Amino acid sequence: MSGKDVIQKLEDYLRTEGITQIQLAERLGWSPSALNNILKGRDPIGIKRLLHISQRLGIKFETEFGDTKISESPPLYLAPDDEEILEMLKPLSKKDKQELKNYIAFLKTKQIKAG
C-alpha cells in the first residue's frame, strides 16, 4: 500500500464521516498541521502511523514491511471519552508515555508475527 493509498483512505474517511481536517486531527491525537503534512504527502507514512490510524479510526490496511505482511484493523480503540484510562495516563511523564507506546507497539509486532 502506497502513501497515496493511505491518503485516499483518510480523505474518504473525512467525506464519509462529514468532518473537518481539524476534527480528524483531534480523533487521531495529532496537530492539524501534522495531519495536513501527511495529507499533502510532505511527511512519510510508516508502520507506526498505519497502526495508529487503524487503531484510532478502524481503517483496515494491508501492506508488507520486509517479510511481515500486515493486515490490521484492531478492535481496541481508546476513545477520547474513556475517562478512566485517560485519567490513569495523565500523571505519566512524557518519557513514560513514550515507553508505554513503544511497549504496546512491541506487543503488537509480536501479535502480528504470531498471527
C-alpha atoms as a PDB file:
ATOM      1  CA  MET A   1       0.000   0.000   0.000  1.00  0.00           C
ATOM      2  CA  SER A   2       1.456   3.315  -1.019  1.00  0.00           C
ATOM      3  CA  GLY A   3       1.322   6.616   0.822  1.00  0.00           C
ATOM      4  CA  LYS A   4      -1.165   7.812  -1.811  1.00  0.00           C
ATOM      5  CA  ASP A   5      -3.491   4.920  -0.932  1.00  0.00           C
ATOM      6  CA  VAL A   6      -3.367   5.848   2.750  1.00  0.00           C
ATOM      7  CA  ILE A   7      -4.031   9.499   1.951  1.00  0.00           C
ATOM      8  CA  GLN A   8      -7.001   8.445  -0.195  1.00  0.00           C
ATOM      9  CA  LYS A   9      -8.416   6.371   2.676  1.00  0.00           C
ATOM     10  CA  LEU A  10      -8.053   9.333   5.040  1.00  0.00           C
ATOM     11  CA  GLU A  11      -9.766  11.643   2.543  1.00  0.00           C
ATOM     12  CA  ASP A  12     -12.562   9.069   2.097  1.00  0.00           C
ATOM     13  CA  TYR A  13     -12.919   8.911   5.871  1.00  0.00           C
ATOM     14  CA  LEU A  14     -13.248  12.710   6.022  1.00  0.00           C
ATOM     15  CA  ARG A  15     -16.045  12.638   3.448  1.00  0.00           C
ATOM     16  CA  THR A  16     -17.837   9.615   4.916  1.00  0.00           C
ATOM     17  CA  GLU A  17     -17.782  10.989   8.458  1.00  0.00           C
ATOM     18  CA  GLY A  18     -18.589  14.528   7.283  1.00  0.00           C
ATOM     19  CA  ILE A  19     -15.860  16.012   9.462  1.00  0.00           C
ATOM     20  CA  THR A  20     -13.173  18.641   9.017  1.00  0.00           C
ATOM     21  CA  GLN A  21      -9.423  18.046   8.953  1.00  0.00           C
ATOM     22  CA  ILE A  22      -9.249  19.646  12.398  1.00  0.00           C
ATOM     23  CA  GLN A  23     -11.775  17.133  13.749  1.00  0.00           C
ATOM     24  CA  LEU A  24      -9.864  14.284  12.117  1.00  0.00           C
ATOM     25  CA  ALA A  25      -6.625  15.539  13.673  1.00  0.00           C
ATOM     26  CA  GLU A  26      -8.361  15.516  17.078  1.00  0.00           C
ATOM     27  CA  ARG A  27      -9.557  11.935  16.557  1.00  0.00           C
ATOM     28  CA  LEU A  28      -6.017  10.922  15.704  1.00  0.00           C
ATOM     29  CA  GLY A  29      -4.480  12.882  18.563  1.00  0.00           C
ATOM     30  CA  TRP A  30      -2.332  14.850  16.110  1.00  0.00           C
ATOM     31  CA  SER A  31      -1.937  18.539  15.490  1.00  0.00           C
ATOM     32  CA  PRO A  32      -3.821  19.873  12.454  1.00  0.00           C
ATOM     33  CA  SER A  33      -0.504  20.810  10.827  1.00  0.00           C
ATOM     34  CA  ALA A  34       0.864  17.259  11.277  1.00  0.00           C
ATOM     35  CA  LEU A  35      -2.245  15.818   9.613  1.00  0.00           C
ATOM     36  CA  ASN A  36      -2.045  18.393   6.821  1.00  0.00           C
ATOM     37  CA  ASN A  37       1.598  17.455   6.154  1.00  0.00           C
ATOM     38  CA  ILE A  38       0.569  13.812   5.804  1.00  0.00           C
ATOM     39  CA  LEU A  39      -2.405  14.593   3.555  1.00  0.00           C
ATOM     40  CA  LYS A  40      -0.183  16.758   1.342  1.00  0.00           C
ATOM     41  CA  GLY A  41       2.433  13.990   1.114  1.00  0.00           C
ATOM     42  CA  ARG A  42       5.110  16.045   2.876  1.00  0.00           C
ATOM     43  CA  ASP A  43       5.543  13.571   5.753  1.00  0.00           C
ATOM     44  CA  PRO A  44       6.058   9.827   5.253  1.00  0.00           C
ATOM     45  CA  ILE A  45       3.548   7.253   6.451  1.00  0.00           C
ATOM     46  CA  GLY A  46       5.330   4.357   8.118  1.00  0.00           C
ATOM     47  CA  ILE A  47       4.159   1.319  10.036  1.00  0.00           C
ATOM     48  CA  LYS A  48       3.658   3.215  13.293  1.00  0.00           C
ATOM     49  CA  ARG A  49       1.383   5.732  11.619  1.00  0.00           C
ATOM     50  CA  LEU A  50      -0.539   2.999   9.808  1.00  0.00           C
ATOM     51  CA  LEU A  51      -1.133   1.174  13.076  1.00  0.00           C
ATOM     52  CA  HIS A  52      -2.113   4.407  14.795  1.00  0.00           C
ATOM     53  CA  ILE A  53      -4.596   5.366  12.067  1.00  0.00           C
ATOM     54  CA  SER A  54      -6.019   1.850  12.046  1.00  0.00           C
ATOM     55  CA  GLN A  55      -6.493   1.805  15.809  1.00  0.00           C
ATOM     56  CA  ARG A  56      -7.985   5.267  16.096  1.00  0.00           C
ATOM     57  CA  LEU A  57     -10.244   5.196  13.047  1.00  0.00           C
ATOM     58  CA  GLY A  58     -10.827   1.489  12.421  1.00  0.00           C
ATOM     59  CA  ILE A  59      -9.484   1.753   8.874  1.00  0.00           C
ATOM     60  CA  LYS A  60      -8.082  -1.531   7.581  1.00  0.00           C
ATOM     61  CA  PHE A  61      -4.727  -1.568   5.794  1.00  0.00           C
ATOM     62  CA  GLU A  62      -2.912  -4.447   4.133  1.00  0.00           C
ATOM     63  CA  THR A  63       0.739  -3.944   3.417  1.00  0.00           C
ATOM     64  CA  GLU A  64       4.123  -5.613   3.694  1.00  0.00           C
ATOM     65  CA  PHE A  65       7.149  -4.453   5.625  1.00  0.00           C
ATOM     66  CA  GLY A  66      10.101  -6.691   4.950  1.00  0.00           C
ATOM     67  CA  ASP A  67       8.899 -10.266   5.311  1.00  0.00           C
ATOM     68  CA  THR A  68       5.953  -9.327   7.528  1.00  0.00           C
ATOM     69  CA  LYS A  69       2.529  -8.982   5.973  1.00  0.00           C
ATOM     70  CA  ILE A  70       0.292  -6.725   7.994  1.00  0.00           C
ATOM     71  CA  SER A  71      -3.457  -6.752   7.858  1.00  0.00           C
ATOM     72  CA  GLU A  72      -4.510  -4.525  10.687  1.00  0.00           C
ATOM     73  CA  SER A  73      -7.929  -3.488  11.848  1.00  0.00           C
ATOM     74  CA  PRO A  74      -7.724  -3.880  15.597  1.00  0.00           C
ATOM     75  CA  PRO A  75     -10.857  -3.883  17.746  1.00  0.00           C
ATOM     76  CA  LEU A  76      -9.184  -1.967  20.565  1.00  0.00           C
ATOM     77  CA  TYR A  77      -9.604   1.761  20.359  1.00  0.00           C
ATOM     78  CA  LEU A  78      -9.000   4.150  23.217  1.00  0.00           C
ATOM     79  CA  ALA A  79     -11.868   6.547  22.760  1.00  0.00           C
ATOM     80  CA  PRO A  80     -11.446  10.114  23.986  1.00  0.00           C
ATOM     81  CA  ASP A  81     -14.392   9.528  26.321  1.00  0.00           C
ATOM     82  CA  ASP A  82     -12.704   6.609  28.093  1.00  0.00           C
ATOM     83  CA  GLU A  83     -12.023   8.812  31.096  1.00  0.00           C
ATOM     84  CA  GLU A  84     -10.768   6.104  33.447  1.00  0.00           C
ATOM     85  CA  ILE A  85      -7.845   5.155  31.228  1.00  0.00           C
ATOM     86  CA  LEU A  86      -7.126   8.742  30.261  1.00  0.00           C
ATOM     87  CA  GLU A  87      -7.014   9.728  33.950  1.00  0.00           C
ATOM     88  CA  MET A  88      -4.542   6.922  34.631  1.00  0.00           C
ATOM     89  CA  LEU A  89      -2.252   8.235  31.878  1.00  0.00           C
ATOM     90  CA  LYS A  90      -2.254  11.882  32.986  1.00  0.00           C
ATOM     91  CA  PRO A  91       0.375  11.604  35.753  1.00  0.00           C
ATOM     92  CA  LEU A  92       2.846   9.813  33.484  1.00  0.00           C
ATOM     93  CA  SER A  93       5.818  11.791  32.272  1.00  0.00           C
ATOM     94  CA  LYS A  94       6.362  12.283  28.564  1.00  0.00           C
ATOM     95  CA  LYS A  95       9.180   9.731  28.716  1.00  0.00           C
ATOM     96  CA  ASP A  96       6.948   7.188  30.495  1.00  0.00           C
ATOM     97  CA  LYS A  97       4.188   7.698  27.916  1.00  0.00           C
ATOM     98  CA  GLN A  98       6.678   7.131  25.105  1.00  0.00           C
ATOM     99  CA  GLU A  99       7.976   3.966  26.772  1.00  0.00           C
ATOM    100  CA  LEU A 100       4.395   2.722  27.136  1.00  0.00           C
ATOM    101  CA  LYS A 101       3.736   3.426  23.446  1.00  0.00           C
ATOM    102  CA  ASN A 102       6.923   1.601  22.483  1.00  0.00           C
ATOM    103  CA  TYR A 103       5.961  -1.400  24.610  1.00  0.00           C
ATOM    104  CA  ILE A 104       2.467  -1.541  23.100  1.00  0.00           C
ATOM    105  CA  ALA A 105       3.958  -1.320  19.596  1.00  0.00           C
ATOM    106  CA  PHE A 106       6.343  -4.157  20.522  1.00  0.00           C
ATOM    107  CA  LEU A 107       3.439  -6.318  21.718  1.00  0.00           C
ATOM    108  CA  LYS A 108       1.507  -5.630  18.513  1.00  0.00           C
ATOM    109  CA  THR A 109       4.524  -6.630  16.449  1.00  0.00           C
ATOM    110  CA  LYS A 110       4.725  -9.919  18.348  1.00  0.00           C
ATOM    111  CA  GLN A 111       0.989 -10.449  17.845  1.00  0.00           C
ATOM    112  CA  ILE A 112       1.245  -9.768  14.101  1.00  0.00           C
ATOM    113  CA  LYS A 113       4.159 -12.214  13.720  1.00  0.00           C
ATOM    114  CA  ALA A 114       2.362 -14.863  15.790  1.00  0.00           C
ATOM    115  CA  GLY A 115      -0.886 -14.471  13.832  1.00  0.00           C
END
